[in-house]
């Protein structure tokens, strides 16, 4: 199980982006969290096997209709806890 923290920049708030991320995570079996940041970006913690993570990041790069993803920065993180599901956090 790998864990990555990703920050997505562009037009990603107010366009259903967190809903899109949550739905994609559920489809792919990815666990973790997604939240809006004060700077207008969206931050995710994604936990899954490598194949599911890559598929998830590919979906995030495309984004939902109405969004305009300009940048996706992901980094591996050492995460000891395991997420039970995927959820939106504030």
Protein backbone atom coordinates (compact mmCIF):
# COMPACT_ATOMS: atom_id res chain seq x y z
CA UNK A 1 0.00 0.00 0.00
CA UNK A 2 1.47 3.35 -1.10
CA UNK A 3 0.47 6.80 0.13
CA UNK A 4 0.86 10.08 -1.74
CA UNK A 5 -0.02 13.65 -0.88
CA UNK A 6 -1.11 15.62 -3.94
CA UNK A 7 -1.89 19.30 -4.42
CA UNK A 8 -4.00 20.25 -7.43
CA UNK A 9 -3.94 23.83 -8.72
CA UNK A 10 -6.05 25.60 -11.29
CA UNK A 11 -9.80 26.08 -11.42
CA UNK A 12 -10.56 23.31 -8.93
CA UNK A 13 -12.87 24.88 -6.35
CA UNK A 14 -16.55 25.53 -6.95
CA UNK A 15 -16.73 23.05 -9.86
CA UNK A 16 -17.51 19.76 -8.07
CA UNK A 17 -13.88 18.76 -7.92
CA UNK A 18 -13.99 17.14 -4.47
CA UNK A 19 -17.09 15.17 -5.47
CA UNK A 20 -15.30 14.05 -8.64
CA UNK A 21 -12.24 12.98 -6.63
CA UNK A 22 -14.39 11.09 -4.12
CA UNK A 23 -16.31 9.27 -6.84
CA UNK A 24 -13.08 8.39 -8.69
CA UNK A 25 -11.50 7.09 -5.48
CA UNK A 26 -14.52 4.89 -4.79
CA UNK A 27 -14.42 3.53 -8.37
CA UNK A 28 -10.70 2.70 -8.11
CA UNK A 29 -10.59 1.46 -4.51
CA UNK A 30 -8.43 4.37 -3.33
CA UNK A 31 -8.68 5.46 0.31
CA UNK A 32 -7.73 8.78 1.92
CA UNK A 33 -8.97 12.34 2.05
CA UNK A 34 -9.62 15.42 -0.07
CA UNK A 35 -10.02 19.03 1.06
CA UNK A 36 -10.12 22.56 -0.28
CA UNK A 37 -7.20 24.75 0.75
CA UNK A 38 -7.39 28.45 1.55
CA UNK A 39 -5.06 29.23 -1.38
CA UNK A 40 -7.61 27.89 -3.92
CA UNK A 41 -5.91 24.53 -4.41
CA UNK A 42 -7.27 21.09 -3.54
CA UNK A 43 -5.17 18.74 -1.40
CA UNK A 44 -5.54 14.96 -1.37
CA UNK A 45 -4.00 12.12 0.56
CA UNK A 46 -4.30 8.98 -1.55
CA UNK A 47 -3.65 5.46 -0.33
CA UNK A 48 -3.78 2.37 -2.58
CA UNK A 49 -1.60 0.05 -4.60
CA UNK A 50 0.67 1.67 -7.20
CA UNK A 51 -1.59 0.86 -10.17
CA UNK A 52 -4.70 2.37 -8.56
CA UNK A 53 -2.74 5.47 -7.50
CA UNK A 54 -1.53 6.10 -11.04
CA UNK A 55 -5.06 5.65 -12.42
CA UNK A 56 -6.39 8.06 -9.80
CA UNK A 57 -3.77 10.71 -10.54
CA UNK A 58 -4.52 10.40 -14.28
CA UNK A 59 -8.21 11.08 -13.58
CA UNK A 60 -7.36 14.04 -11.36
CA UNK A 61 -5.20 15.55 -14.12
CA UNK A 62 -8.26 15.54 -16.42
CA UNK A 63 -10.68 16.73 -13.73
CA UNK A 64 -14.45 17.07 -14.01
CA UNK A 65 -16.25 19.21 -16.61
CA UNK A 66 -15.93 22.87 -15.67
CA UNK A 67 -12.56 22.46 -14.00
CA UNK A 68 -9.20 23.48 -15.42
CA UNK A 69 -6.34 21.58 -13.83
CA UNK A 70 -3.10 23.46 -14.31
CA UNK A 71 -0.80 21.50 -12.04
CA UNK A 72 -0.79 18.30 -9.99
CA UNK A 73 2.11 17.88 -7.57
CA UNK A 74 2.36 14.53 -5.79
CA UNK A 75 4.91 13.26 -3.34
CA UNK A 76 5.19 9.95 -1.54
CA UNK A 77 4.63 10.14 2.19
CA UNK A 78 5.38 7.72 4.97
CA UNK A 79 1.94 7.11 6.39
CA UNK A 80 1.63 4.54 9.11
CA UNK A 81 -2.13 4.80 9.47
CA UNK A 82 -4.43 3.07 7.04
CA UNK A 83 -7.53 4.86 5.87
CA UNK A 84 -10.78 2.90 6.12
CA UNK A 85 -12.43 4.79 3.23
CA UNK A 86 -12.22 7.97 1.17
CA UNK A 87 -13.72 11.12 2.62
CA UNK A 88 -13.98 14.89 2.25
CA UNK A 89 -12.44 16.75 5.19
CA UNK A 90 -12.58 20.41 6.12
